[in-house]
PDB file of N, CA and C in Angstrom:
ATOM      1  N   UNK A   1      -3.147   2.543  19.019  1.00  0.00           N
ATOM      2  CA  UNK A   1      -2.091   1.832  18.328  1.00  0.00           C
ATOM      3  C   UNK A   1      -1.794   0.538  19.081  1.00  0.00           C
ATOM      4  N   UNK A   2      -1.541  -0.510  18.324  1.00  0.00           N
ATOM      5  CA  UNK A   2      -1.268  -1.811  18.921  1.00  0.00           C
ATOM      6  C   UNK A   2       0.111  -1.827  19.584  1.00  0.00           C
ATOM      7  N   UNK A   3       0.222  -2.615  20.621  1.00  0.00           N
ATOM      8  CA  UNK A   3       1.496  -2.789  21.328  1.00  0.00           C
ATOM      9  C   UNK A   3       2.477  -3.553  20.435  1.00  0.00           C
ATOM     10  N   UNK A   4       3.698  -3.060  20.359  1.00  0.00           N
ATOM     11  CA  UNK A   4       4.738  -3.723  19.577  1.00  0.00           C
ATOM     12  C   UNK A   4       5.488  -4.670  20.506  1.00  0.00           C
ATOM     13  N   UNK A   5       5.504  -5.971  20.174  1.00  0.00           N
ATOM     14  CA  UNK A   5       6.211  -6.927  21.037  1.00  0.00           C
ATOM     15  C   UNK A   5       7.689  -6.567  21.175  1.00  0.00           C
ATOM     16  N   UNK A   6       8.238  -6.784  22.358  1.00  0.00           N
ATOM     17  CA  UNK A   6       9.641  -6.441  22.605  1.00  0.00           C
ATOM     18  C   UNK A   6      10.613  -7.516  22.116  1.00  0.00           C
ATOM     19  N   UNK A   7      10.116  -8.694  21.774  1.00  0.00           N
ATOM     20  CA  UNK A   7      10.992  -9.808  21.398  1.00  0.00           C
ATOM     21  C   UNK A   7      11.104 -10.001  19.883  1.00  0.00           C
ATOM     22  N   UNK A   8      10.799  -8.986  19.099  1.00  0.00           N
ATOM     23  CA  UNK A   8      10.862  -9.129  17.646  1.00  0.00           C
ATOM     24  C   UNK A   8      12.305  -9.185  17.163  1.00  0.00           C
ATOM     25  N   UNK A   9      12.532  -9.937  16.096  1.00  0.00           N
ATOM     26  CA  UNK A   9      13.846 -10.045  15.468  1.00  0.00           C
ATOM     27  C   UNK A   9      13.828  -9.144  14.236  1.00  0.00           C
ATOM     28  N   UNK A  10      14.375  -7.924  14.376  1.00  0.00           N
ATOM     29  CA  UNK A  10      14.347  -6.942  13.298  1.00  0.00           C
ATOM     30  C   UNK A  10      15.415  -7.262  12.268  1.00  0.00           C
ATOM     31  N   UNK A  11      15.034  -7.172  10.980  1.00  0.00           N
ATOM     32  CA  UNK A  11      15.944  -7.426   9.869  1.00  0.00           C
ATOM     33  C   UNK A  11      16.058  -6.137   9.066  1.00  0.00           C
ATOM     34  N   UNK A  12      17.279  -5.683   8.860  1.00  0.00           N
ATOM     35  CA  UNK A  12      17.515  -4.442   8.133  1.00  0.00           C
ATOM     36  C   UNK A  12      17.494  -4.703   6.632  1.00  0.00           C
ATOM     37  N   UNK A  13      16.713  -3.924   5.922  1.00  0.00           N
ATOM     38  CA  UNK A  13      16.641  -4.030   4.460  1.00  0.00           C
ATOM     39  C   UNK A  13      17.670  -3.069   3.872  1.00  0.00           C
ATOM     40  N   UNK A  14      18.902  -3.541   3.750  1.00  0.00           N
ATOM     41  CA  UNK A  14      20.000  -2.735   3.224  1.00  0.00           C
ATOM     42  C   UNK A  14      20.914  -3.643   2.418  1.00  0.00           C
ATOM     43  N   UNK A  15      21.606  -3.063   1.458  1.00  0.00           N
ATOM     44  CA  UNK A  15      22.566  -3.880   0.707  1.00  0.00           C
ATOM     45  C   UNK A  15      23.622  -4.472   1.634  1.00  0.00           C
ATOM     46  N   UNK A  16      24.140  -5.628   1.266  1.00  0.00           N
ATOM     47  CA  UNK A  16      25.144  -6.308   2.093  1.00  0.00           C
ATOM     48  C   UNK A  16      26.366  -5.445   2.357  1.00  0.00           C
ATOM     49  N   UNK A  17      26.728  -4.591   1.396  1.00  0.00           N
ATOM     50  CA  UNK A  17      27.928  -3.762   1.554  1.00  0.00           C
ATOM     51  C   UNK A  17      27.614  -2.388   2.144  1.00  0.00           C
ATOM     52  N   UNK A  18      26.392  -2.181   2.631  1.00  0.00           N
ATOM     53  CA  UNK A  18      25.996  -0.883   3.181  1.00  0.00           C
ATOM     54  C   UNK A  18      26.749  -0.594   4.470  1.00  0.00           C
ATOM     55  N   UNK A  19      27.186   0.648   4.590  1.00  0.00           N
ATOM     56  CA  UNK A  19      27.853   1.084   5.806  1.00  0.00           C
ATOM     57  C   UNK A  19      27.113   2.296   6.349  1.00  0.00           C
ATOM     58  N   UNK A  20      27.370   2.619   7.588  1.00  0.00           N
ATOM     59  CA  UNK A  20      26.747   3.785   8.191  1.00  0.00           C
ATOM     60  C   UNK A  20      25.377   3.483   8.766  1.00  0.00           C
ATOM     61  N   UNK A  21      24.814   4.491   9.395  1.00  0.00           N
ATOM     62  CA  UNK A  21      23.557   4.299  10.116  1.00  0.00           C
ATOM     63  C   UNK A  21      22.317   4.304   9.231  1.00  0.00           C
ATOM     64  N   UNK A  22      22.435   4.606   7.975  1.00  0.00           N
ATOM     65  CA  UNK A  22      21.252   4.631   7.114  1.00  0.00           C
ATOM     66  C   UNK A  22      20.751   6.049   6.908  1.00  0.00           C
ATOM     67  N   UNK A  23      19.488   6.289   6.971  1.00  0.00           N
ATOM     68  CA  UNK A  23      18.453   5.451   7.570  1.00  0.00           C
ATOM     69  C   UNK A  23      18.052   4.289   6.655  1.00  0.00           C
ATOM     70  N   UNK A  24      17.703   3.194   7.287  1.00  0.00           N
ATOM     71  CA  UNK A  24      17.274   1.983   6.595  1.00  0.00           C
ATOM     72  C   UNK A  24      15.898   1.587   7.106  1.00  0.00           C
ATOM     73  N   UNK A  25      15.218   0.801   6.313  1.00  0.00           N
ATOM     74  CA  UNK A  25      13.950   0.209   6.732  1.00  0.00           C
ATOM     75  C   UNK A  25      14.276  -1.114   7.409  1.00  0.00           C
ATOM     76  N   UNK A  26      13.566  -1.409   8.508  1.00  0.00           N
ATOM     77  CA  UNK A  26      13.719  -2.692   9.198  1.00  0.00           C
ATOM     78  C   UNK A  26      12.359  -3.367   9.269  1.00  0.00           C
ATOM     79  N   UNK A  27      12.367  -4.687   9.157  1.00  0.00           N
ATOM     80  CA  UNK A  27      11.154  -5.498   9.205  1.00  0.00           C
ATOM     81  C   UNK A  27      11.256  -6.535  10.300  1.00  0.00           C
ATOM     82  N   UNK A  28      10.112  -6.857  10.879  1.00  0.00           N
ATOM     83  CA  UNK A  28      10.040  -7.952  11.844  1.00  0.00           C
ATOM     84  C   UNK A  28       8.722  -8.675  11.611  1.00  0.00           C
ATOM     85  N   UNK A  29       8.767  -9.979  11.684  1.00  0.00           N
ATOM     86  CA  UNK A  29       7.580 -10.798  11.488  1.00  0.00           C
ATOM     87  C   UNK A  29       7.171 -11.370  12.831  1.00  0.00           C
ATOM     88  N   UNK A  30       5.941 -11.058  13.244  1.00  0.00           N
ATOM     89  CA  UNK A  30       5.481 -11.449  14.566  1.00  0.00           C
ATOM     90  C   UNK A  30       4.387 -12.492  14.529  1.00  0.00           C
ATOM     91  N   UNK A  31       3.802 -12.712  15.692  1.00  0.00           N
ATOM     92  CA  UNK A  31       2.707 -13.659  15.830  1.00  0.00           C
ATOM     93  C   UNK A  31       1.461 -13.159  15.098  1.00  0.00           C
ATOM     94  N   UNK A  32       0.534 -14.060  14.880  1.00  0.00           N
ATOM     95  CA  UNK A  32      -0.753 -13.743  14.256  1.00  0.00           C
ATOM     96  C   UNK A  32      -0.602 -13.127  12.870  1.00  0.00           C
ATOM     97  N   UNK A  33       0.437 -13.539  12.140  1.00  0.00           N
ATOM     98  CA  UNK A  33       0.680 -13.065  10.776  1.00  0.00           C
ATOM     99  C   UNK A  33       0.847 -11.552  10.682  1.00  0.00           C
ATOM    100  N   UNK A  34       1.420 -10.927  11.709  1.00  0.00           N
ATOM    101  CA  UNK A  34       1.657  -9.489  11.679  1.00  0.00           C
ATOM    102  C   UNK A  34       3.079  -9.187  11.218  1.00  0.00           C
ATOM    103  N   UNK A  35       3.206  -8.114  10.448  1.00  0.00           N
ATOM    104  CA  UNK A  35       4.501  -7.644   9.957  1.00  0.00           C
ATOM    105  C   UNK A  35       4.690  -6.232  10.499  1.00  0.00           C
ATOM    106  N   UNK A  36       5.856  -5.973  11.097  1.00  0.00           N
ATOM    107  CA  UNK A  36       6.173  -4.683  11.691  1.00  0.00           C
ATOM    108  C   UNK A  36       7.253  -4.020  10.843  1.00  0.00           C
ATOM    109  N   UNK A  37       7.081  -2.722  10.576  1.00  0.00           N
ATOM    110  CA  UNK A  37       8.000  -1.973   9.724  1.00  0.00           C
ATOM    111  C   UNK A  37       8.392  -0.697  10.462  1.00  0.00           C
ATOM    112  N   UNK A  38       9.693  -0.388  10.439  1.00  0.00           N
ATOM    113  CA  UNK A  38      10.160   0.850  11.065  1.00  0.00           C
ATOM    114  C   UNK A  38      11.370   1.363  10.301  1.00  0.00           C
ATOM    115  N   UNK A  39      11.748   2.598  10.579  1.00  0.00           N
ATOM    116  CA  UNK A  39      12.947   3.194  10.008  1.00  0.00           C
ATOM    117  C   UNK A  39      13.990   3.322  11.110  1.00  0.00           C
ATOM    118  N   UNK A  40      15.245   3.054  10.788  1.00  0.00           N
ATOM    119  CA  UNK A  40      16.286   3.064  11.814  1.00  0.00           C
ATOM    120  C   UNK A  40      16.433   4.424  12.488  1.00  0.00           C
ATOM    121  N   UNK A  41      16.108   5.498  11.787  1.00  0.00           N
ATOM    122  CA  UNK A  41      16.251   6.823  12.379  1.00  0.00           C
ATOM    123  C   UNK A  41      15.110   7.180  13.333  1.00  0.00           C
ATOM    124  N   UNK A  42      14.037   6.383  13.340  1.00  0.00           N
ATOM    125  CA  UNK A  42      12.892   6.631  14.227  1.00  0.00           C
ATOM    126  C   UNK A  42      12.295   5.290  14.660  1.00  0.00           C
ATOM    127  N   UNK A  43      13.036   4.485  15.429  1.00  0.00           N
ATOM    128  CA  UNK A  43      12.613   3.112  15.731  1.00  0.00           C
ATOM    129  C   UNK A  43      11.354   3.003  16.590  1.00  0.00           C
ATOM    130  N   UNK A  44      10.944   4.087  17.222  1.00  0.00           N
ATOM    131  CA  UNK A  44       9.716   4.037  18.029  1.00  0.00           C
ATOM    132  C   UNK A  44       8.463   4.166  17.167  1.00  0.00           C
ATOM    133  N   UNK A  45       8.615   4.626  15.944  1.00  0.00           N
ATOM    134  CA  UNK A  45       7.492   4.795  15.020  1.00  0.00           C
ATOM    135  C   UNK A  45       7.370   3.524  14.181  1.00  0.00           C
ATOM    136  N   UNK A  46       6.466   2.642  14.562  1.00  0.00           N
ATOM    137  CA  UNK A  46       6.329   1.323  13.934  1.00  0.00           C
ATOM    138  C   UNK A  46       4.985   1.228  13.223  1.00  0.00           C
ATOM    139  N   UNK A  47       5.033   0.776  11.988  1.00  0.00           N
ATOM    140  CA  UNK A  47       3.825   0.524  11.202  1.00  0.00           C
ATOM    141  C   UNK A  47       3.583  -0.983  11.223  1.00  0.00           C
ATOM    142  N   UNK A  48       2.332  -1.364  11.391  1.00  0.00           N
ATOM    143  CA  UNK A  48       1.979  -2.790  11.435  1.00  0.00           C
ATOM    144  C   UNK A  48       1.033  -3.110  10.284  1.00  0.00           C
ATOM    145  N   UNK A  49       1.279  -4.237   9.631  1.00  0.00           N
ATOM    146  CA  UNK A  49       0.387  -4.709   8.585  1.00  0.00           C
ATOM    147  C   UNK A  49       0.274  -6.227   8.721  1.00  0.00           C
ATOM    148  N   UNK A  50      -0.437  -6.849   7.818  1.00  0.00           N
ATOM    149  CA  UNK A  50      -0.589  -8.307   7.863  1.00  0.00           C
ATOM    150  C   UNK A  50       0.355  -8.965   6.861  1.00  0.00           C
ATOM    151  N   UNK A  51       0.630 -10.221   7.066  1.00  0.00           N
ATOM    152  CA  UNK A  51       1.496 -10.963   6.146  1.00  0.00           C
ATOM    153  C   UNK A  51       0.897 -10.961   4.740  1.00  0.00           C
ATOM    154  N   UNK A  52      -0.409 -11.123   4.619  1.00  0.00           N
ATOM    155  CA  UNK A  52      -1.065 -11.151   3.308  1.00  0.00           C
ATOM    156  C   UNK A  52      -0.872  -9.815   2.574  1.00  0.00           C
ATOM    157  N   UNK A  53      -1.039  -8.702   3.280  1.00  0.00           N
ATOM    158  CA  UNK A  53      -0.853  -7.388   2.653  1.00  0.00           C
ATOM    159  C   UNK A  53       0.614  -7.154   2.314  1.00  0.00           C
ATOM    160  N   UNK A  54       1.520  -7.576   3.191  1.00  0.00           N
ATOM    161  CA  UNK A  54       2.948  -7.428   2.922  1.00  0.00           C
ATOM    162  C   UNK A  54       3.339  -8.219   1.676  1.00  0.00           C
ATOM    163  N   UNK A  55       2.853  -9.462   1.579  1.00  0.00           N
ATOM    164  CA  UNK A  55       3.159 -10.292   0.409  1.00  0.00           C
ATOM    165  C   UNK A  55       2.651  -9.642  -0.872  1.00  0.00           C
ATOM    166  N   UNK A  56       1.445  -9.057  -0.826  1.00  0.00           N
ATOM    167  CA  UNK A  56       0.888  -8.375  -2.002  1.00  0.00           C
ATOM    168  C   UNK A  56       1.748  -7.175  -2.380  1.00  0.00           C
ATOM    169  N   UNK A  57       2.226  -6.434  -1.383  1.00  0.00           N
ATOM    170  CA  UNK A  57       3.105  -5.288  -1.645  1.00  0.00           C
ATOM    171  C   UNK A  57       4.403  -5.743  -2.304  1.00  0.00           C
ATOM    172  N   UNK A  58       5.042  -6.769  -1.769  1.00  0.00           N
ATOM    173  CA  UNK A  58       6.296  -7.268  -2.322  1.00  0.00           C
ATOM    174  C   UNK A  58       6.095  -7.738  -3.759  1.00  0.00           C
ATOM    175  N   UNK A  59       5.015  -8.451  -4.026  1.00  0.00           N
ATOM    176  CA  UNK A  59       4.734  -8.886  -5.403  1.00  0.00           C
ATOM    177  C   UNK A  59       4.540  -7.683  -6.319  1.00  0.00           C
ATOM    178  N   UNK A  60       3.892  -6.632  -5.827  1.00  0.00           N
ATOM    179  CA  UNK A  60       3.704  -5.419  -6.611  1.00  0.00           C
ATOM    180  C   UNK A  60       5.025  -4.738  -6.926  1.00  0.00           C
ATOM    181  N   UNK A  61       5.917  -4.679  -5.953  1.00  0.00           N
ATOM    182  CA  UNK A  61       7.248  -4.102  -6.182  1.00  0.00           C
ATOM    183  C   UNK A  61       7.985  -4.913  -7.240  1.00  0.00           C
ATOM    184  N   UNK A  62       7.957  -6.225  -7.103  1.00  0.00           N
ATOM    185  CA  UNK A  62       8.650  -7.085  -8.056  1.00  0.00           C
ATOM    186  C   UNK A  62       8.075  -6.953  -9.459  1.00  0.00           C
ATOM    187  N   UNK A  63       6.778  -6.669  -9.566  1.00  0.00           N
ATOM    188  CA  UNK A  63       6.119  -6.535 -10.864  1.00  0.00           C
ATOM    189  C   UNK A  63       6.281  -5.130 -11.451  1.00  0.00           C
ATOM    190  N   UNK A  64       6.900  -4.221 -10.706  1.00  0.00           N
ATOM    191  CA  UNK A  64       7.123  -2.875 -11.206  1.00  0.00           C
ATOM    192  C   UNK A  64       5.945  -1.930 -11.029  1.00  0.00           C
ATOM    193  N   UNK A  65       4.965  -2.298 -10.204  1.00  0.00           N
ATOM    194  CA  UNK A  65       3.764  -1.486 -10.043  1.00  0.00           C
ATOM    195  C   UNK A  65       4.022  -0.132  -9.379  1.00  0.00           C
ATOM    196  N   UNK A  66       5.171   0.048  -8.748  1.00  0.00           N
ATOM    197  CA  UNK A  66       5.466   1.296  -8.046  1.00  0.00           C
ATOM    198  C   UNK A  66       6.623   2.062  -8.690  1.00  0.00           C
ATOM    199  N   UNK A  67       7.079   1.621  -9.837  1.00  0.00           N
ATOM    200  CA  UNK A  67       8.228   2.248 -10.489  1.00  0.00           C
ATOM    201  C   UNK A  67       7.989   3.718 -10.798  1.00  0.00           C
ATOM    202  N   UNK A  68       6.756   4.100 -11.059  1.00  0.00           N
ATOM    203  CA  UNK A  68       6.473   5.497 -11.402  1.00  0.00           C
ATOM    204  C   UNK A  68       6.784   6.448 -10.237  1.00  0.00           C
ATOM    205  N   UNK A  69       6.836   5.939  -9.018  1.00  0.00           N
ATOM    206  CA  UNK A  69       7.170   6.782  -7.870  1.00  0.00           C
ATOM    207  C   UNK A  69       8.631   7.204  -7.862  1.00  0.00           C
ATOM    208  N   UNK A  70       9.487   6.477  -8.539  1.00  0.00           N
ATOM    209  CA  UNK A  70      10.914   6.769  -8.515  1.00  0.00           C
ATOM    210  C   UNK A  70      11.470   7.151  -9.881  1.00  0.00           C
ATOM    211  N   UNK A  71      10.620   7.394 -10.853  1.00  0.00           N
ATOM    212  CA  UNK A  71      11.095   7.791 -12.171  1.00  0.00           C
ATOM    213  C   UNK A  71      11.888   9.083 -12.064  1.00  0.00           C
ATOM    214  N   UNK A  72      13.059   9.111 -12.654  1.00  0.00           N
ATOM    215  CA  UNK A  72      13.902  10.296 -12.658  1.00  0.00           C
ATOM    216  C   UNK A  72      14.831  10.410 -11.465  1.00  0.00           C
ATOM    217  N   UNK A  73      14.650   9.599 -10.442  1.00  0.00           N
ATOM    218  CA  UNK A  73      15.511   9.700  -9.262  1.00  0.00           C
ATOM    219  C   UNK A  73      16.945   9.297  -9.550  1.00  0.00           C
ATOM    220  N   UNK A  74      17.155   8.423 -10.504  1.00  0.00           N
ATOM    221  CA  UNK A  74      18.520   7.996 -10.797  1.00  0.00           C
ATOM    222  C   UNK A  74      19.354   9.139 -11.367  1.00  0.00           C
ATOM    223  N   UNK A  75      18.697  10.199 -11.844  1.00  0.00           N
ATOM    224  CA  UNK A  75      19.405  11.359 -12.403  1.00  0.00           C
ATOM    225  C   UNK A  75      19.731  12.400 -11.346  1.00  0.00           C
ATOM    226  N   UNK A  76      19.213  12.245 -10.126  1.00  0.00           N
ATOM    227  CA  UNK A  76      19.416  13.231  -9.068  1.00  0.00           C
ATOM    228  C   UNK A  76      20.636  12.887  -8.222  1.00  0.00           C
ATOM    229  N   UNK A  77      21.235  13.924  -7.657  1.00  0.00           N
ATOM    230  CA  UNK A  77      22.345  13.733  -6.724  1.00  0.00           C
ATOM    231  C   UNK A  77      21.796  13.195  -5.415  1.00  0.00           C
ATOM    232  N   UNK A  78      22.506  12.296  -4.758  1.00  0.00           N
ATOM    233  CA  UNK A  78      22.066  11.822  -3.438  1.00  0.00           C
ATOM    234  C   UNK A  78      22.056  12.992  -2.463  1.00  0.00           C
ATOM    235  N   UNK A  79      21.083  12.986  -1.552  1.00  0.00           N
ATOM    236  CA  UNK A  79      21.011  14.054  -0.557  1.00  0.00           C
ATOM    237  C   UNK A  79      21.114  13.474   0.844  1.00  0.00           C
ATOM    238  N   UNK A  80      21.540  14.313   1.761  1.00  0.00           N
ATOM    239  CA  UNK A  80      21.681  13.892   3.148  1.00  0.00           C
ATOM    240  C   UNK A  80      20.352  13.886   3.868  1.00  0.00           C
ATOM    241  N   UNK A  81      19.407  14.726   3.474  1.00  0.00           N
ATOM    242  CA  UNK A  81      18.110  14.783   4.153  1.00  0.00           C
ATOM    243  C   UNK A  81      17.044  14.164   3.270  1.00  0.00           C
ATOM    244  N   UNK A  82      16.065  13.559   3.898  1.00  0.00           N
ATOM    245  CA  UNK A  82      14.978  12.895   3.157  1.00  0.00           C
ATOM    246  C   UNK A  82      13.665  13.473   3.577  1.00  0.00           C
TER     247      UNK A  82
END
């Protein structure tokens, strides 16, 4: 596994009015077009991808390409465990 730089500026992907510890996804953009992704509940577990792949993923989300993964979730009660 690649070394995660210690000087990354992590940005939490949460609504502006979000309170509590989450868990939330955090992103950091590093050198050499690398994108680092982690969850606040397990910050030592970091996934690394490239800026090009991240951009393709974001465009896919915006285009609705992953909506089938969450179909029916709006009808479920929120749970404490994931």
